[in-house]
């Protein structure tokens, strides 16, 4: 079973509100400053990943064809939008062509009624048209933040995962799913929300071309009372580091060792770059050997070790405390390249590149997004000097960190794990009382309260 949330909400509360929540353990007692009359939602959205069995090769080919039509319509409408914009930019005649889902949908209806594209009527109308919703959303993201979001790009056949969406009127009968123009297909896998209302289904092909596997991502409207609730009270601070996270009680959530997997990925990527037509500048026809290696590479990418680890860590945190306090980290700035410019070249570029890869592989964003819908509240605080501040006396100094793993206060002599100390500071910075720190050591030092 693979369950994730696609619609979550995370709001930052004031320290006074969080203290009230920490004492009472009642989320309804926390006022919402932006929407004072907002009540808890009656339903939430949850997505379940189930195995889909086409039954025979012909049905699998038909599913692939529907996904291919969605890709064709995306490329056609993207080219049409760019052509319309170039003409408007050159002549300024008429209104500016705006690529909204409504306008793209009207153009798709005209395209479908065109005699040259009459074959589009052999495929489900709603599923194919909904691919334009993703195109319109991609344009809106680009218009909102052109510096970060790139323009929508054309989808290549061999680099696009075949997939399509059933946007509404989903028909589910126990372990059977009705796909328009295809028929009833069998589903397999445990489903916690089988009795809830299905909203949308994303059908996706995974695996190599000779042996593909199909999956259905079913989104349900789940009553809030049916969803597993977080702990009724309590709060934890969480310090996220490279390869692991540590909470204010000293529990370490380590990521699995992915070095063998990363080595295999690099080996397959090098092998793929040497195949005919698969290099970055190789314009020759793509070879079948390259397609085979590309399938093996995709199979390696589907090993969700980090995703599974962050799911388990977020669930443990939510079951332990109602409120989780994290640092408001600027991951994009932290992972910026150090190569500099031609006039002012950077230093230690390779070391910084390795650190950037390690930070991005630590799943900080994944853990935060999963906590947003599993925990009761997620609070973000300023991360400045949390690793250099003593959690006992409050002394701040760079010398308090003699090594990466050890914190030793130069003022009061307090010593413990550096990540554990930072997690306590993160919790206190949100206005919450720090948890009692147990004595840690070996032998006689760890017994009978030898350490105060």
Protein backbone atom coordinates (compact mmCIF):
# COMPACT_ATOMS: atom_id res chain seq x y z
CA UNK A 1 0.00 0.00 0.00
CA UNK A 2 1.24 3.47 -0.88
CA UNK A 3 -0.71 6.42 0.46
CA UNK A 4 0.08 10.08 0.07
CA UNK A 5 -1.77 13.38 0.32
CA UNK A 6 -2.12 15.81 -2.54
CA UNK A 7 -4.04 18.59 -0.81
CA UNK A 8 -2.67 19.70 2.53
CA UNK A 9 -2.65 22.85 4.61
CA UNK A 10 0.06 24.13 6.90
CA UNK A 11 -0.29 27.37 8.82
CA UNK A 12 2.18 29.08 11.11
CA UNK A 13 0.84 30.02 14.52
CA UNK A 14 2.04 32.66 16.93
CA UNK A 15 4.02 31.50 20.00
CA UNK A 16 1.10 32.37 22.30
CA UNK A 17 -1.30 30.24 20.26
CA UNK A 18 1.17 27.37 20.18
CA UNK A 19 1.66 27.51 23.95
CA UNK A 20 -2.11 27.30 24.38
CA UNK A 21 -2.20 24.30 22.06
CA UNK A 22 0.70 22.65 23.87
CA UNK A 23 -1.10 22.96 27.21
CA UNK A 24 -4.58 21.95 26.10
CA UNK A 25 -3.89 19.59 23.21
CA UNK A 26 -7.04 20.92 21.49
CA UNK A 27 -6.52 22.21 17.96
CA UNK A 28 -9.91 23.96 17.98
CA UNK A 29 -8.67 26.34 20.69
CA UNK A 30 -6.11 27.92 18.36
CA UNK A 31 -7.58 30.97 16.58
CA UNK A 32 -6.92 31.60 12.90
CA UNK A 33 -5.78 35.18 12.45
CA UNK A 34 -6.48 35.24 8.72
CA UNK A 35 -9.88 33.50 8.83
CA UNK A 36 -11.39 33.85 12.30
CA UNK A 37 -14.50 31.85 11.41
CA UNK A 38 -12.66 29.02 9.65
CA UNK A 39 -13.62 25.59 10.92
CA UNK A 40 -11.93 22.25 10.53
CA UNK A 41 -12.60 20.70 7.10
CA UNK A 42 -15.19 17.96 6.96
CA UNK A 43 -13.26 16.05 4.29
CA UNK A 44 -9.63 15.84 3.24
CA UNK A 45 -8.08 14.47 0.07
CA UNK A 46 -5.97 11.32 0.13
CA UNK A 47 -4.40 9.44 -2.78
CA UNK A 48 -3.90 5.67 -2.88
CA UNK A 49 -1.57 3.91 -5.32
CA UNK A 50 -3.04 0.65 -6.63
CA UNK A 51 -1.80 -1.84 -9.20
CA UNK A 52 -3.84 -1.83 -12.43
CA UNK A 53 -4.05 -4.97 -14.57
CA UNK A 54 -4.97 -4.41 -18.25
CA UNK A 55 -5.62 -8.15 -18.68
CA UNK A 56 -4.13 -8.54 -22.17
CA UNK A 57 -1.59 -6.91 -24.46
CA UNK A 58 -4.23 -5.19 -26.61
CA UNK A 59 -5.66 -3.35 -23.61
CA UNK A 60 -2.18 -2.28 -22.52
CA UNK A 61 -1.52 -0.93 -26.03
CA UNK A 62 -4.82 1.01 -25.88
CA UNK A 63 -3.87 2.57 -22.54
CA UNK A 64 -0.50 3.56 -24.00
CA UNK A 65 -2.29 5.04 -27.02
CA UNK A 66 -4.51 7.22 -24.79
CA UNK A 67 -1.41 8.51 -23.01
CA UNK A 68 0.21 9.14 -26.39
CA UNK A 69 -2.80 11.14 -27.57
CA UNK A 70 -2.56 13.28 -24.42
CA UNK A 71 1.07 13.95 -25.23
CA UNK A 72 0.21 14.76 -28.86
CA UNK A 73 -2.50 17.24 -27.83
CA UNK A 74 -0.13 18.88 -25.34
CA UNK A 75 2.51 19.39 -28.05
CA UNK A 76 -0.06 20.55 -30.62
CA UNK A 77 -1.62 23.12 -28.30
CA UNK A 78 1.76 24.32 -27.06
CA UNK A 79 2.91 24.95 -30.65
CA UNK A 80 -0.41 26.64 -31.45
CA UNK A 81 -0.13 28.91 -28.40
CA UNK A 82 3.41 29.93 -29.29
CA UNK A 83 2.34 30.66 -32.89
CA UNK A 84 -0.61 32.79 -31.72
CA UNK A 85 1.60 34.73 -29.33
CA UNK A 86 4.24 35.42 -32.00
CA UNK A 87 1.58 36.76 -34.37
CA UNK A 88 0.04 38.92 -31.66
CA UNK A 89 3.49 40.22 -30.69
CA UNK A 90 4.24 41.12 -34.31
CA UNK A 91 0.93 42.76 -35.30
CA UNK A 92 -0.85 43.55 -31.97
CA UNK A 93 -4.22 42.69 -33.49
CA UNK A 94 -6.96 41.58 -31.13
CA UNK A 95 -6.63 40.54 -27.50
CA UNK A 96 -3.52 38.88 -26.16
CA UNK A 97 -3.84 35.06 -26.39
CA UNK A 98 -4.07 33.81 -22.80
CA UNK A 99 -3.49 30.04 -22.32
CA UNK A 100 -6.14 29.26 -19.72
CA UNK A 101 -7.80 25.87 -19.41
CA UNK A 102 -11.02 27.38 -20.80
CA UNK A 103 -9.41 28.82 -23.94
CA UNK A 104 -7.27 25.72 -24.54
CA UNK A 105 -10.36 23.54 -24.06
CA UNK A 106 -12.26 25.48 -26.74
CA UNK A 107 -9.37 25.10 -29.16
CA UNK A 108 -9.26 21.37 -28.41
CA UNK A 109 -12.97 21.05 -29.26
CA UNK A 110 -12.31 22.78 -32.58
CA UNK A 111 -9.34 20.50 -33.21
CA UNK A 112 -11.42 17.41 -32.41
CA UNK A 113 -14.09 18.48 -34.91
CA UNK A 114 -11.49 19.10 -37.61
CA UNK A 115 -11.71 16.38 -40.33
CA UNK A 116 -7.92 15.95 -40.25
CA UNK A 117 -8.12 15.07 -36.54
CA UNK A 118 -11.30 13.05 -36.56
CA UNK A 119 -9.32 10.13 -35.10
CA UNK A 120 -9.30 11.98 -31.77
CA UNK A 121 -12.95 10.94 -31.31
CA UNK A 122 -11.78 7.35 -30.82
CA UNK A 123 -10.26 8.34 -27.48
CA UNK A 124 -11.92 9.56 -24.27
CA UNK A 125 -12.73 13.27 -24.55
CA UNK A 126 -12.40 14.21 -20.85
CA UNK A 127 -9.11 12.37 -20.32
CA UNK A 128 -7.42 13.89 -23.36
CA UNK A 129 -8.73 17.40 -22.73
CA UNK A 130 -7.57 17.32 -19.11
CA UNK A 131 -3.95 17.18 -20.29
CA UNK A 132 -4.49 20.83 -21.23
CA UNK A 133 -5.25 21.59 -17.58
CA UNK A 134 -1.65 20.65 -16.79
CA UNK A 135 -0.47 22.84 -19.69
CA UNK A 136 -2.50 25.82 -18.44
CA UNK A 137 -1.15 25.32 -14.90
CA UNK A 138 2.42 25.18 -16.25
CA UNK A 139 1.86 28.51 -18.03
CA UNK A 140 0.41 30.09 -14.88
CA UNK A 141 3.40 28.99 -12.82
CA UNK A 142 5.72 30.46 -15.44
CA UNK A 143 3.85 33.79 -15.55
CA UNK A 144 3.88 34.01 -11.76
CA UNK A 145 7.60 33.29 -11.31
CA UNK A 146 9.52 33.31 -14.62
CA UNK A 147 12.88 33.35 -12.83
CA UNK A 148 12.30 30.00 -11.15
CA UNK A 149 9.73 28.26 -13.36
CA UNK A 150 10.67 27.58 -16.96
CA UNK A 151 8.32 27.83 -19.91
CA UNK A 152 6.28 24.73 -20.79
CA UNK A 153 8.25 22.43 -23.06
CA UNK A 154 7.36 19.88 -25.68
CA UNK A 155 7.07 16.28 -24.51
CA UNK A 156 9.32 13.76 -26.25
CA UNK A 157 8.01 10.26 -26.86
CA UNK A 158 10.85 8.32 -25.25
CA UNK A 159 11.38 10.72 -22.32
CA UNK A 160 7.77 11.08 -21.17
CA UNK A 161 6.14 8.59 -18.81
CA UNK A 162 2.85 7.43 -20.41
CA UNK A 163 0.02 8.66 -18.18
CA UNK A 164 -3.43 10.22 -18.31
CA UNK A 165 -6.06 11.41 -15.85
CA UNK A 166 -9.73 10.53 -15.41
CA UNK A 167 -10.81 13.95 -14.07
CA UNK A 168 -14.38 13.24 -12.93
CA UNK A 169 -17.24 10.75 -12.96
CA UNK A 170 -14.90 8.05 -11.65
CA UNK A 171 -16.51 4.59 -11.64
CA UNK A 172 -15.13 2.20 -9.04
CA UNK A 173 -16.75 -1.12 -8.12
CA UNK A 174 -14.75 -2.73 -5.32
CA UNK A 175 -11.55 -3.88 -7.07
CA UNK A 176 -12.56 -2.74 -10.55
CA UNK A 177 -11.97 0.58 -12.30
CA UNK A 178 -13.82 1.76 -15.40
CA UNK A 179 -11.55 3.52 -17.91
CA UNK A 180 -13.49 5.39 -20.64
CA UNK A 181 -13.22 3.81 -24.11
CA UNK A 182 -11.39 0.85 -22.51
CA UNK A 183 -13.73 -0.85 -20.04
CA UNK A 184 -13.51 -2.35 -16.56
CA UNK A 185 -9.98 -3.16 -15.37
CA UNK A 186 -8.97 -4.98 -12.19
CA UNK A 187 -7.19 -3.25 -9.31
CA UNK A 188 -4.98 -4.85 -6.66
CA UNK A 189 -3.60 -3.59 -3.38
CA UNK A 190 -4.87 -2.66 0.06
CA UNK A 191 -7.09 0.40 0.14
CA UNK A 192 -7.95 2.12 3.41
CA UNK A 193 -10.45 4.45 1.74
CA UNK A 194 -12.37 2.02 -0.47
CA UNK A 195 -15.68 3.17 1.03
CA UNK A 196 -15.01 6.87 0.34
CA UNK A 197 -15.91 8.95 -2.70
CA UNK A 198 -13.33 8.80 -5.55
CA UNK A 199 -12.61 12.14 -7.17
CA UNK A 200 -9.92 11.61 -9.81
CA UNK A 201 -7.70 8.79 -11.06
CA UNK A 202 -4.24 9.16 -12.54
CA UNK A 203 -3.34 6.13 -14.69
CA UNK A 204 0.41 5.75 -15.15
CA UNK A 205 2.69 3.20 -16.82
CA UNK A 206 5.87 2.22 -15.04
CA UNK A 207 8.52 -0.27 -16.01
CA UNK A 208 10.43 -1.19 -19.12
CA UNK A 209 8.72 -1.33 -22.52
CA UNK A 210 8.75 -5.14 -22.86
CA UNK A 211 7.28 -5.62 -19.35
CA UNK A 212 5.27 -2.54 -18.39
CA UNK A 213 3.32 -2.21 -15.17
CA UNK A 214 0.28 0.01 -14.80
CA UNK A 215 -0.77 1.83 -11.65
CA UNK A 216 -3.84 3.85 -10.71
CA UNK A 217 -3.46 6.77 -8.30
CA UNK A 218 -6.98 7.19 -6.92
CA UNK A 219 -7.76 10.41 -5.06
CA UNK A 220 -10.55 10.16 -2.48
CA UNK A 221 -12.58 12.67 -0.49
CA UNK A 222 -12.10 11.18 2.97
CA UNK A 223 -14.07 12.26 6.07
CA UNK A 224 -11.68 13.97 8.46
CA UNK A 225 -12.74 11.63 11.28
CA UNK A 226 -11.61 8.60 9.26
CA UNK A 227 -8.06 9.88 8.74
CA UNK A 228 -5.51 8.84 11.33
CA UNK A 229 -5.24 11.71 13.79
CA UNK A 230 -1.96 13.07 15.18
CA UNK A 231 -1.06 12.91 18.85
CA UNK A 232 -3.55 14.91 20.97
CA UNK A 233 -0.87 17.07 22.59
CA UNK A 234 2.83 17.61 22.91
CA UNK A 235 5.43 19.40 20.78
CA UNK A 236 8.77 18.50 19.25
CA UNK A 237 11.54 20.50 17.65
CA UNK A 238 13.17 18.95 14.59
CA UNK A 239 16.67 19.67 13.35
CA UNK A 240 17.24 18.51 9.77
CA UNK A 241 20.81 17.68 8.84
CA UNK A 242 22.55 16.00 5.92
CA UNK A 243 21.39 12.40 5.83
CA UNK A 244 19.36 12.50 9.03
CA UNK A 245 17.03 14.48 11.30
CA UNK A 246 17.00 14.71 15.11
CA UNK A 247 14.11 15.73 17.34
CA UNK A 248 14.22 17.52 20.69
CA UNK A 249 13.94 14.23 22.56
CA UNK A 250 17.14 12.96 20.99
CA UNK A 251 15.59 10.50 18.52
CA UNK A 252 17.51 10.27 15.25
CA UNK A 253 15.70 9.62 11.95
CA UNK A 254 18.40 8.46 9.55
CA UNK A 255 17.95 8.05 5.82
CA UNK A 256 18.78 4.64 4.31
CA UNK A 257 22.13 4.05 2.65
CA UNK A 258 21.61 4.80 -1.05
CA UNK A 259 25.27 4.75 -2.15
CA UNK A 260 24.93 1.44 -4.08
CA UNK A 261 21.76 2.73 -5.76
CA UNK A 262 23.42 6.04 -6.67
CA UNK A 263 26.42 4.18 -8.09
CA UNK A 264 24.15 2.05 -10.27
CA UNK A 265 22.30 5.16 -11.45
CA UNK A 266 25.54 6.84 -12.51
CA UNK A 267 26.72 3.67 -14.28
CA UNK A 268 23.46 3.37 -16.24
CA UNK A 269 23.51 7.08 -17.09
CA UNK A 270 27.03 6.77 -18.51
CA UNK A 271 26.02 3.67 -20.47
CA UNK A 272 22.95 5.47 -21.86
CA UNK A 273 25.00 8.48 -22.98
CA UNK A 274 27.15 6.17 -25.15
CA UNK A 275 24.21 4.63 -27.01
CA UNK A 276 23.30 5.87 -30.49
CA UNK A 277 20.89 8.80 -30.38
CA UNK A 278 20.81 9.06 -26.58
CA UNK A 279 23.68 11.50 -26.03
CA UNK A 280 22.92 15.15 -25.23
CA UNK A 281 23.94 16.28 -28.75
CA UNK A 282 23.43 13.05 -30.69
CA UNK A 283 20.80 13.63 -33.41
CA UNK A 284 20.90 10.10 -34.84
CA UNK A 285 17.89 7.76 -34.51
CA UNK A 286 17.62 6.27 -31.03
CA UNK A 287 18.89 2.70 -30.78
CA UNK A 288 16.97 -0.18 -29.24
CA UNK A 289 19.86 -0.89 -26.88
CA UNK A 290 19.52 2.65 -25.60
CA UNK A 291 15.81 2.09 -24.98
CA UNK A 292 16.63 -1.04 -22.99
CA UNK A 293 19.19 0.81 -20.83
CA UNK A 294 16.75 3.71 -20.41
CA UNK A 295 14.16 1.26 -19.09
CA UNK A 296 16.67 -0.11 -16.61
CA UNK A 297 17.48 3.44 -15.53
CA UNK A 298 13.79 4.22 -14.97
CA UNK A 299 13.46 1.07 -12.89
CA UNK A 300 16.28 2.25 -10.63
CA UNK A 301 14.65 5.66 -10.27
CA UNK A 302 11.46 4.02 -9.01
CA UNK A 303 13.16 2.61 -5.90
CA UNK A 304 11.55 4.90 -3.33
CA UNK A 305 13.95 4.42 -0.44
CA UNK A 306 14.08 8.07 0.59
CA UNK A 307 10.36 8.51 0.07
CA UNK A 308 9.61 5.53 2.29
CA UNK A 309 12.03 6.76 4.98
CA UNK A 310 10.46 10.23 5.11
CA UNK A 311 6.98 8.65 5.29
CA UNK A 312 8.02 6.58 8.30
CA UNK A 313 9.77 9.48 10.04
CA UNK A 314 6.83 11.87 9.56
CA UNK A 315 4.38 9.27 10.85
CA UNK A 316 6.49 8.64 13.97
CA UNK A 317 6.74 12.38 14.65
CA UNK A 318 3.00 12.90 14.19
CA UNK A 319 2.22 10.00 16.52
CA UNK A 320 4.57 11.44 19.16
CA UNK A 321 3.57 15.12 19.22
CA UNK A 322 0.72 17.29 17.97
CA UNK A 323 2.99 20.23 17.06
CA UNK A 324 6.26 19.91 15.16
CA UNK A 325 8.61 22.90 14.96
CA UNK A 326 11.07 23.05 12.05
CA UNK A 327 13.55 25.57 10.72
CA UNK A 328 12.47 27.79 7.83
CA UNK A 329 15.34 26.69 5.59
CA UNK A 330 16.18 28.32 2.26
CA UNK A 331 17.20 25.12 0.51
CA UNK A 332 17.54 26.80 -2.87
CA UNK A 333 20.03 29.32 -1.52
CA UNK A 334 21.91 26.67 0.45
CA UNK A 335 22.40 24.53 -2.68
CA UNK A 336 23.47 27.34 -5.03
CA UNK A 337 26.51 26.62 -7.16
CA UNK A 338 29.91 27.94 -6.03
CA UNK A 339 31.51 28.13 -9.49
CA UNK A 340 31.08 31.91 -9.67
CA UNK A 341 31.72 33.83 -12.89
CA UNK A 342 34.58 34.09 -15.37
CA UNK A 343 35.72 37.34 -13.78
CA UNK A 344 35.34 36.04 -10.21
CA UNK A 345 35.61 32.23 -10.24
CA UNK A 346 34.54 30.37 -7.11
CA UNK A 347 36.58 28.13 -4.86
CA UNK A 348 36.05 24.53 -3.69
CA UNK A 349 33.51 24.08 -6.47
CA UNK A 350 33.61 20.26 -6.50
CA UNK A 351 33.30 20.02 -2.71
CA UNK A 352 30.35 22.42 -2.73
CA UNK A 353 28.70 20.44 -5.54
CA UNK A 354 28.99 17.26 -3.47
CA UNK A 355 27.50 19.02 -0.45
CA UNK A 356 24.62 20.31 -2.60
CA UNK A 357 23.84 16.79 -3.80
CA UNK A 358 23.90 15.50 -0.22
CA UNK A 359 21.53 18.24 0.95
CA UNK A 360 19.07 17.65 -1.87
CA UNK A 361 19.21 13.89 -1.25
CA UNK A 362 18.34 14.37 2.44
CA UNK A 363 14.65 14.91 1.64
CA UNK A 364 14.12 18.06 3.74
CA UNK A 365 11.23 19.24 1.59
CA UNK A 366 9.65 15.77 1.43
CA UNK A 367 9.65 15.47 5.20
CA UNK A 368 8.17 18.94 5.67
CA UNK A 369 5.38 18.34 3.13
CA UNK A 370 4.41 15.04 4.74
CA UNK A 371 4.41 16.55 8.21
CA UNK A 372 2.07 19.26 6.94
CA UNK A 373 -0.82 16.83 6.57
CA UNK A 374 0.11 14.21 9.18
CA UNK A 375 0.94 16.40 12.19
CA UNK A 376 -1.55 18.68 13.92
CA UNK A 377 0.48 21.84 13.33
CA UNK A 378 3.82 22.60 11.70
CA UNK A 379 5.56 25.77 12.89
CA UNK A 380 8.52 27.35 11.08
CA UNK A 381 11.09 29.39 12.98
CA UNK A 382 14.19 31.41 12.10
CA UNK A 383 17.15 29.00 11.78
CA UNK A 384 19.83 31.59 12.65
CA UNK A 385 22.35 30.39 15.27
CA UNK A 386 20.28 27.42 16.43
CA UNK A 387 23.36 25.21 16.10
CA UNK A 388 25.64 27.62 18.02
CA UNK A 389 23.30 28.43 20.93
CA UNK A 390 23.45 26.57 24.22
CA UNK A 391 20.07 25.06 25.04
CA UNK A 392 20.79 25.37 28.78
CA UNK A 393 22.24 28.86 29.34
CA UNK A 394 21.59 30.54 25.98
CA UNK A 395 25.23 31.41 25.26
CA UNK A 396 25.90 31.89 21.53
CA UNK A 397 29.34 31.29 20.12
CA UNK A 398 31.08 29.65 17.20
CA UNK A 399 33.45 27.93 19.61
CA UNK A 400 30.52 25.99 21.08
CA UNK A 401 30.84 23.58 18.14
CA UNK A 402 34.27 21.92 18.47
CA UNK A 403 33.18 19.34 15.87
CA UNK A 404 30.27 18.56 13.60
CA UNK A 405 28.63 16.13 16.04
CA UNK A 406 29.54 17.61 19.43
CA UNK A 407 28.19 20.69 21.17
CA UNK A 408 30.19 21.96 24.16
CA UNK A 409 29.14 25.29 25.69
CA UNK A 410 32.13 27.49 26.50
CA UNK A 411 30.17 29.36 29.18
CA UNK A 412 28.47 26.68 31.32
CA UNK A 413 30.16 23.49 30.11
CA UNK A 414 26.91 21.87 28.88
CA UNK A 415 27.73 19.13 26.36
CA UNK A 416 25.55 16.89 24.23
CA UNK A 417 24.93 15.91 20.62
CA UNK A 418 24.95 18.99 18.41
CA UNK A 419 21.79 18.08 16.47
CA UNK A 420 19.92 17.29 19.69
CA UNK A 421 20.93 20.68 21.12
CA UNK A 422 19.79 22.46 17.94
CA UNK A 423 16.42 20.66 18.03
CA UNK A 424 15.82 21.90 21.59
CA UNK A 425 16.65 25.46 20.51
CA UNK A 426 14.22 25.17 17.61
CA UNK A 427 11.48 24.09 19.99
CA UNK A 428 12.19 26.94 22.43
CA UNK A 429 12.32 29.50 19.61
CA UNK A 430 8.65 28.74 18.87
CA UNK A 431 7.77 29.79 22.43
CA UNK A 432 7.42 26.25 23.76
CA UNK A 433 9.09 24.79 26.87
CA UNK A 434 12.00 22.51 26.14
CA UNK A 435 11.63 18.86 27.04
CA UNK A 436 13.73 17.45 29.92
CA UNK A 437 17.06 16.24 28.57
CA UNK A 438 17.93 12.80 29.97
CA UNK A 439 21.42 11.92 31.11
CA UNK A 440 23.40 10.16 28.40
CA UNK A 441 26.63 8.25 28.78
CA UNK A 442 28.10 4.83 29.27
CA UNK A 443 28.81 2.75 32.36
CA UNK A 444 28.41 4.41 35.77
CA UNK A 445 27.95 7.84 34.22
CA UNK A 446 24.60 6.79 32.76
CA UNK A 447 23.16 5.28 35.97
CA UNK A 448 21.42 6.67 39.01
CA UNK A 449 21.35 10.32 37.87
CA UNK A 450 25.13 10.63 37.96
CA UNK A 451 24.83 13.49 35.46
CA UNK A 452 22.44 16.29 36.66
